[in-house]
Amino acid sequence: VFDGRELRAPDTVVIDGDRIGTDPSGAREIDG
């Protein structure tokens, strides 16, 4: 994730409707 200042290390980003978070429980996973 590029947050506007730095490029972060590989991680998981969860999209839940109009919310973005980090808890992947119950989510469909896609390898980026």
Full PDB file with SEQRES, HELIX, SHEET, SSBOND, CRYST1, ORIGX, SCALE, CONECT and MASTER records, all heavy atoms in Angstrom:
SEQRES   1 A   32  VAL PHE ASP GLY ARG GLU LEU ARG ALA PRO ASP THR VAL          
SEQRES   2 A   32  VAL ILE ASP GLY ASP ARG ILE GLY THR ASP PRO SER GLY          
SEQRES   3 A   32  ALA ARG GLU ILE ASP GLY                                      
SHEET    1 AA1 2 VAL A  14  ASP A  16  0                                        
SHEET    2 AA1 2 ARG A  19  GLY A  21 -1                                        
CRYST1    1.000    1.000    1.000  90.00  90.00  90.00 P 1           1          
ORIGX1      1.000000  0.000000  0.000000        0.00000                         
ORIGX2      0.000000  1.000000  0.000000        0.00000                         
ORIGX3      0.000000  0.000000  1.000000        0.00000                         
SCALE1      1.000000  0.000000  0.000000        0.00000                         
SCALE2      0.000000  1.000000  0.000000        0.00000                         
SCALE3      0.000000  0.000000  1.000000        0.00000                         
ATOM      1  N   VAL A   1       0.850  -1.188   0.000  1.00  0.00           N  
ATOM      2  CA  VAL A   1       0.000   0.000   0.000  1.00  0.00           C  
ATOM      3  C   VAL A   1       0.884   1.237   0.000  1.00  0.00           C  
ATOM      4  O   VAL A   1       1.779   1.377   0.838  1.00  0.00           O  
ATOM      5  CB  VAL A   1      -0.934   0.020   1.236  1.00  0.00           C  
ATOM      6  CG1 VAL A   1      -1.745   1.313   1.281  1.00  0.00           C  
ATOM      7  CG2 VAL A   1      -1.860  -1.188   1.216  1.00  0.00           C  
ATOM      8  N   PHE A   2       0.624   2.129  -0.958  1.00  0.00           N  
ATOM      9  CA  PHE A   2       1.279   3.437  -0.952  1.00  0.00           C  
ATOM     10  C   PHE A   2       0.317   4.380  -0.262  1.00  0.00           C  
ATOM     11  O   PHE A   2      -0.800   4.605  -0.722  1.00  0.00           O  
ATOM     12  CB  PHE A   2       1.585   3.918  -2.368  1.00  0.00           C  
ATOM     13  CG  PHE A   2       2.240   5.269  -2.382  1.00  0.00           C  
ATOM     14  CD1 PHE A   2       3.534   5.416  -1.934  1.00  0.00           C  
ATOM     15  CD2 PHE A   2       1.542   6.380  -2.804  1.00  0.00           C  
ATOM     16  CE1 PHE A   2       4.143   6.662  -1.917  1.00  0.00           C  
ATOM     17  CE2 PHE A   2       2.138   7.635  -2.799  1.00  0.00           C  
ATOM     18  CZ  PHE A   2       3.441   7.775  -2.356  1.00  0.00           C  
ATOM     19  N   ASP A   3       0.717   4.921   0.892  1.00  0.00           N  
ATOM     20  CA  ASP A   3      -0.179   5.741   1.710  1.00  0.00           C  
ATOM     21  C   ASP A   3      -0.042   7.242   1.455  1.00  0.00           C  
ATOM     22  O   ASP A   3      -0.559   8.055   2.203  1.00  0.00           O  
ATOM     23  CB  ASP A   3       0.018   5.432   3.194  1.00  0.00           C  
ATOM     24  CG  ASP A   3       1.397   5.831   3.708  1.00  0.00           C  
ATOM     25  OD1 ASP A   3       2.180   6.471   2.963  1.00  0.00           O  
ATOM     26  OD2 ASP A   3       1.698   5.503   4.867  1.00  0.00           O  
ATOM     27  N   GLY A   4       0.642   7.603   0.389  1.00  0.00           N  
ATOM     28  CA  GLY A   4       0.849   9.014   0.085  1.00  0.00           C  
ATOM     29  C   GLY A   4       2.219   9.499   0.499  1.00  0.00           C  
ATOM     30  O   GLY A   4       2.678  10.538   0.045  1.00  0.00           O  
ATOM     31  N   ARG A   5       2.884   8.721   1.343  1.00  0.00           N  
ATOM     32  CA  ARG A   5       4.230   9.081   1.812  1.00  0.00           C  
ATOM     33  C   ARG A   5       5.236   7.965   1.577  1.00  0.00           C  
ATOM     34  O   ARG A   5       6.370   8.211   1.222  1.00  0.00           O  
ATOM     35  CB  ARG A   5       4.219   9.415   3.297  1.00  0.00           C  
ATOM     36  CG  ARG A   5       3.519  10.691   3.603  1.00  0.00           C  
ATOM     37  CD  ARG A   5       3.638  10.996   5.058  1.00  0.00           C  
ATOM     38  NE  ARG A   5       2.297  11.401   5.490  1.00  0.00           N  
ATOM     39  CZ  ARG A   5       1.969  11.633   6.706  1.00  0.00           C  
ATOM     40  NH1 ARG A   5       2.842  11.492   7.660  1.00  0.00           N  
ATOM     41  NH2 ARG A   5       0.753  12.003   7.007  1.00  0.00           N  
ATOM     42  N   GLU A   6       4.808   6.728   1.833  1.00  0.00           N  
ATOM     43  CA  GLU A   6       5.732   5.606   1.704  1.00  0.00           C  
ATOM     44  C   GLU A   6       5.033   4.370   1.153  1.00  0.00           C  
ATOM     45  O   GLU A   6       3.817   4.240   1.237  1.00  0.00           O  
ATOM     46  CB  GLU A   6       6.369   5.278   3.048  1.00  0.00           C  
ATOM     47  CG  GLU A   6       5.382   4.778   4.088  1.00  0.00           C  
ATOM     48  CD  GLU A   6       6.028   4.495   5.440  1.00  0.00           C  
ATOM     49  OE1 GLU A   6       7.257   4.583   5.549  1.00  0.00           O  
ATOM     50  OE2 GLU A   6       5.289   4.187   6.375  1.00  0.00           O  
ATOM     51  N   LEU A   7       5.835   3.485   0.594  1.00  0.00           N  
ATOM     52  CA  LEU A   7       5.338   2.213   0.094  1.00  0.00           C  
ATOM     53  C   LEU A   7       5.557   1.188   1.201  1.00  0.00           C  
ATOM     54  O   LEU A   7       6.683   0.944   1.618  1.00  0.00           O  
ATOM     55  CB  LEU A   7       6.102   1.814  -1.173  1.00  0.00           C  
ATOM     56  CG  LEU A   7       5.629   0.562  -1.884  1.00  0.00           C  
ATOM     57  CD1 LEU A   7       4.188   0.714  -2.344  1.00  0.00           C  
ATOM     58  CD2 LEU A   7       6.526   0.290  -3.078  1.00  0.00           C  
ATOM     59  N   ARG A   8       4.481   0.625   1.694  1.00  0.00           N  
ATOM     60  CA  ARG A   8       4.557  -0.304   2.825  1.00  0.00           C  
ATOM     61  C   ARG A   8       4.889  -1.716   2.373  1.00  0.00           C  
ATOM     62  O   ARG A   8       4.685  -2.071   1.221  1.00  0.00           O  
ATOM     63  CB  ARG A   8       3.244  -0.285   3.581  1.00  0.00           C  
ATOM     64  CG  ARG A   8       2.979   1.084   4.179  1.00  0.00           C  
ATOM     65  CD  ARG A   8       1.660   1.098   4.896  1.00  0.00           C  
ATOM     66  NE  ARG A   8       1.424   2.427   5.403  1.00  0.00           N  
ATOM     67  CZ  ARG A   8       1.163   2.695   6.662  1.00  0.00           C  
ATOM     68  NH1 ARG A   8       1.085   1.734   7.546  1.00  0.00           N  
ATOM     69  NH2 ARG A   8       0.965   3.932   7.053  1.00  0.00           N  
ATOM     70  N   ALA A   9       5.342  -2.520   3.319  1.00  0.00           N  
ATOM     71  CA  ALA A   9       5.671  -3.922   3.052  1.00  0.00           C  
ATOM     72  C   ALA A   9       4.389  -4.686   2.693  1.00  0.00           C  
ATOM     73  O   ALA A   9       3.291  -4.281   3.080  1.00  0.00           O  
ATOM     74  CB  ALA A   9       6.312  -4.550   4.288  1.00  0.00           C  
ATOM     75  N   PRO A  10       4.518  -5.804   1.958  1.00  0.00           N  
ATOM     76  CA  PRO A  10       3.328  -6.587   1.604  1.00  0.00           C  
ATOM     77  C   PRO A  10       2.514  -6.960   2.839  1.00  0.00           C  
ATOM     78  O   PRO A  10       3.061  -7.322   3.875  1.00  0.00           O  
ATOM     79  CB  PRO A  10       3.913  -7.827   0.927  1.00  0.00           C  
ATOM     80  CG  PRO A  10       5.207  -7.355   0.364  1.00  0.00           C  
ATOM     81  CD  PRO A  10       5.735  -6.376   1.383  1.00  0.00           C  
ATOM     82  N   ASP A  11       1.196  -6.856   2.695  1.00  0.00           N  
ATOM     83  CA  ASP A  11       0.278  -7.086   3.809  1.00  0.00           C  
ATOM     84  C   ASP A  11      -1.078  -7.488   3.242  1.00  0.00           C  
ATOM     85  O   ASP A  11      -1.208  -7.704   2.038  1.00  0.00           O  
ATOM     86  CB  ASP A  11       0.151  -5.802   4.637  1.00  0.00           C  
ATOM     87  CG  ASP A  11      -0.295  -6.058   6.070  1.00  0.00           C  
ATOM     88  OD1 ASP A  11      -0.629  -7.212   6.408  1.00  0.00           O  
ATOM     89  OD2 ASP A  11      -0.320  -5.092   6.853  1.00  0.00           O  
ATOM     90  N   THR A  12      -2.089  -7.553   4.096  1.00  0.00           N  
ATOM     91  CA  THR A  12      -3.452  -7.884   3.683  1.00  0.00           C  
ATOM     92  C   THR A  12      -4.342  -6.672   3.890  1.00  0.00           C  
ATOM     93  O   THR A  12      -4.295  -6.024   4.932  1.00  0.00           O  
ATOM     94  CB  THR A  12      -3.999  -9.072   4.499  1.00  0.00           C  
ATOM     95  OG1 THR A  12      -3.187 -10.213   4.239  1.00  0.00           O  
ATOM     96  CG2 THR A  12      -5.436  -9.387   4.134  1.00  0.00           C  
ATOM     97  N   VAL A  13      -5.170  -6.373   2.885  1.00  0.00           N  
ATOM     98  CA  VAL A  13      -6.142  -5.288   2.956  1.00  0.00           C  
ATOM     99  C   VAL A  13      -7.513  -5.916   2.729  1.00  0.00           C  
ATOM    100  O   VAL A  13      -7.708  -6.662   1.778  1.00  0.00           O  
ATOM    101  CB  VAL A  13      -5.863  -4.207   1.898  1.00  0.00           C  
ATOM    102  CG1 VAL A  13      -6.962  -3.169   1.878  1.00  0.00           C  
ATOM    103  CG2 VAL A  13      -4.513  -3.563   2.143  1.00  0.00           C  
ATOM    104  N   VAL A  14      -8.463  -5.614   3.619  1.00  0.00           N  
ATOM    105  CA  VAL A  14      -9.809  -6.177   3.526  1.00  0.00           C  
ATOM    106  C   VAL A  14     -10.784  -5.087   3.100  1.00  0.00           C  
ATOM    107  O   VAL A  14     -10.817  -4.006   3.685  1.00  0.00           O  
ATOM    108  CB  VAL A  14     -10.246  -6.797   4.865  1.00  0.00           C  
ATOM    109  CG1 VAL A  14     -11.672  -7.333   4.775  1.00  0.00           C  
ATOM    110  CG2 VAL A  14      -9.280  -7.895   5.281  1.00  0.00           C  
ATOM    111  N   ILE A  15     -11.589  -5.401   2.074  1.00  0.00           N  
ATOM    112  CA  ILE A  15     -12.618  -4.486   1.591  1.00  0.00           C  
ATOM    113  C   ILE A  15     -13.962  -5.091   1.989  1.00  0.00           C  
ATOM    114  O   ILE A  15     -14.282  -6.213   1.611  1.00  0.00           O  
ATOM    115  CB  ILE A  15     -12.526  -4.308   0.072  1.00  0.00           C  
ATOM    116  CG1 ILE A  15     -11.141  -3.789  -0.297  1.00  0.00           C  
ATOM    117  CG2 ILE A  15     -13.632  -3.378  -0.419  1.00  0.00           C  
ATOM    118  CD1 ILE A  15     -10.824  -3.873  -1.756  1.00  0.00           C  
ATOM    119  N   ASP A  16     -14.720  -4.339   2.763  1.00  0.00           N  
ATOM    120  CA  ASP A  16     -16.026  -4.795   3.246  1.00  0.00           C  
ATOM    121  C   ASP A  16     -17.037  -3.700   2.933  1.00  0.00           C  
ATOM    122  O   ASP A  16     -17.224  -2.766   3.721  1.00  0.00           O  
ATOM    123  CB  ASP A  16     -15.950  -5.071   4.745  1.00  0.00           C  
ATOM    124  CG  ASP A  16     -17.230  -5.678   5.305  1.00  0.00           C  
ATOM    125  OD1 ASP A  16     -18.155  -5.959   4.528  1.00  0.00           O  
ATOM    126  OD2 ASP A  16     -17.284  -5.867   6.528  1.00  0.00           O  
ATOM    127  N   GLY A  17     -17.657  -3.784   1.755  1.00  0.00           N  
ATOM    128  CA  GLY A  17     -18.574  -2.731   1.330  1.00  0.00           C  
ATOM    129  C   GLY A  17     -17.805  -1.442   1.128  1.00  0.00           C  
ATOM    130  O   GLY A  17     -16.888  -1.387   0.328  1.00  0.00           O  
ATOM    131  N   ASP A  18     -18.154  -0.411   1.897  1.00  0.00           N  
ATOM    132  CA  ASP A  18     -17.471   0.876   1.775  1.00  0.00           C  
ATOM    133  C   ASP A  18     -16.404   1.069   2.857  1.00  0.00           C  
ATOM    134  O   ASP A  18     -15.920   2.171   3.067  1.00  0.00           O  
ATOM    135  CB  ASP A  18     -18.485   2.018   1.812  1.00  0.00           C  
ATOM    136  CG  ASP A  18     -19.251   2.090   3.129  1.00  0.00           C  
ATOM    137  OD1 ASP A  18     -19.113   1.169   3.963  1.00  0.00           O  
ATOM    138  OD2 ASP A  18     -20.009   3.056   3.321  1.00  0.00           O  
ATOM    139  N   ARG A  19     -16.013  -0.007   3.509  1.00  0.00           N  
ATOM    140  CA  ARG A  19     -15.004   0.055   4.581  1.00  0.00           C  
ATOM    141  C   ARG A  19     -13.751  -0.711   4.176  1.00  0.00           C  
ATOM    142  O   ARG A  19     -13.822  -1.731   3.497  1.00  0.00           O  
ATOM    143  CB  ARG A  19     -15.556  -0.538   5.863  1.00  0.00           C  
ATOM    144  CG  ARG A  19     -16.853   0.091   6.293  1.00  0.00           C  
ATOM    145  CD  ARG A  19     -16.773   0.522   7.716  1.00  0.00           C  
ATOM    146  NE  ARG A  19     -18.040   1.054   8.155  1.00  0.00           N  
ATOM    147  CZ  ARG A  19     -18.213   2.328   8.409  1.00  0.00           C  
ATOM    148  NH1 ARG A  19     -17.231   3.169   8.279  1.00  0.00           N  
ATOM    149  NH2 ARG A  19     -19.386   2.768   8.815  1.00  0.00           N  
ATOM    150  N   ILE A  20     -12.614  -0.229   4.642  1.00  0.00           N  
ATOM    151  CA  ILE A  20     -11.338  -0.895   4.408  1.00  0.00           C  
ATOM    152  C   ILE A  20     -10.742  -1.214   5.764  1.00  0.00           C  
ATOM    153  O   ILE A  20     -10.727  -0.371   6.663  1.00  0.00           O  
ATOM    154  CB  ILE A  20     -10.374  -0.002   3.606  1.00  0.00           C  
ATOM    155  CG1 ILE A  20     -10.970   0.234   2.222  1.00  0.00           C  
ATOM    156  CG2 ILE A  20      -8.998  -0.644   3.498  1.00  0.00           C  
ATOM    157  CD1 ILE A  20     -10.184   1.186   1.368  1.00  0.00           C  
ATOM    158  N   GLY A  21     -10.263  -2.449   5.929  1.00  0.00           N  
ATOM    159  CA  GLY A  21      -9.695  -2.866   7.202  1.00  0.00           C  
ATOM    160  C   GLY A  21      -8.619  -3.905   7.013  1.00  0.00           C  
ATOM    161  O   GLY A  21      -8.071  -4.068   5.924  1.00  0.00           O  
ATOM    162  N   THR A  22      -8.335  -4.646   8.085  1.00  0.00           N  
ATOM    163  CA  THR A  22      -7.254  -5.630   8.048  1.00  0.00           C  
ATOM    164  C   THR A  22      -7.650  -7.000   8.572  1.00  0.00           C  
ATOM    165  O   THR A  22      -6.847  -7.919   8.523  1.00  0.00           O  
ATOM    166  CB  THR A  22      -6.043  -5.126   8.871  1.00  0.00           C  
ATOM    167  OG1 THR A  22      -6.469  -4.869  10.202  1.00  0.00           O  
ATOM    168  CG2 THR A  22      -5.437  -3.877   8.256  1.00  0.00           C  
ATOM    169  N   ASP A  23      -8.886  -7.173   9.068  1.00  0.00           N  
ATOM    170  CA  ASP A  23      -9.313  -8.461   9.628  1.00  0.00           C  
ATOM    171  C   ASP A  23      -9.885  -9.340   8.513  1.00  0.00           C  
ATOM    172  O   ASP A  23     -10.999  -9.114   8.054  1.00  0.00           O  
ATOM    173  CB  ASP A  23     -10.358  -8.245  10.709  1.00  0.00           C  
ATOM    174  CG  ASP A  23     -10.880  -9.555  11.291  1.00  0.00           C  
ATOM    175  OD1 ASP A  23     -10.298 -10.624  11.002  1.00  0.00           O  
ATOM    176  OD2 ASP A  23     -11.887  -9.503  12.027  1.00  0.00           O  
ATOM    177  N   PRO A  24      -9.153 -10.374   8.066  1.00  0.00           N  
ATOM    178  CA  PRO A  24      -9.599 -11.190   6.934  1.00  0.00           C  
ATOM    179  C   PRO A  24     -10.590 -12.297   7.280  1.00  0.00           C  
ATOM    180  O   PRO A  24     -11.011 -13.036   6.386  1.00  0.00           O  
ATOM    181  CB  PRO A  24      -8.292 -11.782   6.415  1.00  0.00           C  
ATOM    182  CG  PRO A  24      -7.446 -11.921   7.625  1.00  0.00           C  
ATOM    183  CD  PRO A  24      -7.795 -10.728   8.491  1.00  0.00           C  
ATOM    184  N   SER A  25     -10.997 -12.427   8.548  1.00  0.00           N  
ATOM    185  CA  SER A  25     -11.885 -13.532   8.914  1.00  0.00           C  
ATOM    186  C   SER A  25     -13.190 -13.479   8.115  1.00  0.00           C  
ATOM    187  O   SER A  25     -13.842 -12.449   8.035  1.00  0.00           O  
ATOM    188  CB  SER A  25     -12.170 -13.523  10.415  1.00  0.00           C  
ATOM    189  OG  SER A  25     -12.785 -12.323  10.797  1.00  0.00           O  
ATOM    190  N   GLY A  26     -13.511 -14.603   7.483  1.00  0.00           N  
ATOM    191  CA  GLY A  26     -14.736 -14.725   6.707  1.00  0.00           C  
ATOM    192  C   GLY A  26     -14.698 -14.092   5.330  1.00  0.00           C  
ATOM    193  O   GLY A  26     -15.694 -14.102   4.626  1.00  0.00           O  
ATOM    194  N   ALA A  27     -13.568 -13.551   4.943  1.00  0.00           N  
ATOM    195  CA  ALA A  27     -13.477 -12.874   3.647  1.00  0.00           C  
ATOM    196  C   ALA A  27     -12.979 -13.821   2.564  1.00  0.00           C  
ATOM    197  O   ALA A  27     -12.234 -14.756   2.832  1.00  0.00           O  
ATOM    198  CB  ALA A  27     -12.525 -11.679   3.745  1.00  0.00           C  
ATOM    199  N   ARG A  28     -13.410 -13.556   1.337  1.00  0.00           N  
ATOM    200  CA  ARG A  28     -12.882 -14.267   0.172  1.00  0.00           C  
ATOM    201  C   ARG A  28     -11.481 -13.701  -0.068  1.00  0.00           C  
ATOM    202  O   ARG A  28     -11.298 -12.485  -0.123  1.00  0.00           O  
ATOM    203  CB  ARG A  28     -13.778 -13.984  -1.030  1.00  0.00           C  
ATOM    204  CG  ARG A  28     -13.268 -14.551  -2.325  1.00  0.00           C  
ATOM    205  CD  ARG A  28     -14.224 -14.242  -3.435  1.00  0.00           C  
ATOM    206  NE  ARG A  28     -14.389 -12.810  -3.586  1.00  0.00           N  
ATOM    207  CZ  ARG A  28     -14.488 -12.183  -4.748  1.00  0.00           C  
ATOM    208  NH1 ARG A  28     -14.497 -12.859  -5.855  1.00  0.00           N  
ATOM    209  NH2 ARG A  28     -14.628 -10.881  -4.792  1.00  0.00           N  
ATOM    210  N   GLU A  29     -10.486 -14.575  -0.201  1.00  0.00           N  
ATOM    211  CA  GLU A  29      -9.100 -14.117  -0.352  1.00  0.00           C  
ATOM    212  C   GLU A  29      -8.663 -14.115  -1.804  1.00  0.00           C  
ATOM    213  O   GLU A  29      -8.940 -15.046  -2.543  1.00  0.00           O  
ATOM    214  CB  GLU A  29      -8.156 -14.988   0.462  1.00  0.00           C  
ATOM    215  CG  GLU A  29      -8.309 -14.784   1.943  1.00  0.00           C  
ATOM    216  CD  GLU A  29      -7.221 -15.468   2.754  1.00  0.00           C  
ATOM    217  OE1 GLU A  29      -6.175 -15.841   2.173  1.00  0.00           O  
ATOM    218  OE2 GLU A  29      -7.406 -15.617   3.958  1.00  0.00           O  
ATOM    219  N   ILE A  30      -7.971 -13.045  -2.184  1.00  0.00           N  
ATOM    220  CA  ILE A  30      -7.384 -12.905  -3.518  1.00  0.00           C  
ATOM    221  C   ILE A  30      -5.921 -12.549  -3.330  1.00  0.00           C  
ATOM    222  O   ILE A  30      -5.604 -11.573  -2.644  1.00  0.00           O  
ATOM    223  CB  ILE A  30      -8.096 -11.822  -4.331  1.00  0.00           C  
ATOM    224  CG1 ILE A  30      -9.559 -12.182  -4.552  1.00  0.00           C  
ATOM    225  CG2 ILE A  30      -7.390 -11.605  -5.666  1.00  0.00           C  
ATOM    226  CD1 ILE A  30     -10.375 -11.102  -5.208  1.00  0.00           C  
ATOM    227  N   ASP A  31      -5.024 -13.328  -3.921  1.00  0.00           N  
ATOM    228  CA  ASP A  31      -3.592 -13.059  -3.833  1.00  0.00           C  
ATOM    229  C   ASP A  31      -3.246 -11.916  -4.784  1.00  0.00           C  
ATOM    230  O   ASP A  31      -3.425 -12.032  -5.994  1.00  0.00           O  
ATOM    231  CB  ASP A  31      -2.788 -14.293  -4.195  1.00  0.00           C  
ATOM    232  CG  ASP A  31      -1.281 -14.108  -4.039  1.00  0.00           C  
ATOM    233  OD1 ASP A  31      -0.835 -12.982  -3.721  1.00  0.00           O  
ATOM    234  OD2 ASP A  31      -0.547 -15.077  -4.242  1.00  0.00           O  
ATOM    235  N   GLY A  32      -2.762 -10.826  -4.225  1.00  0.00           N  
ATOM    236  CA  GLY A  32      -2.405  -9.645  -5.018  1.00  0.00           C  
ATOM    237  C   GLY A  32      -1.066  -9.759  -5.713  1.00  0.00           C  
ATOM    238  O   GLY A  32      -0.698  -8.909  -6.509  1.00  0.00           O  
TER     239      GLY A  32                                                      
MASTER        0    0    0    0    2    0    0    6  238    1    0    3          
END                                                                             
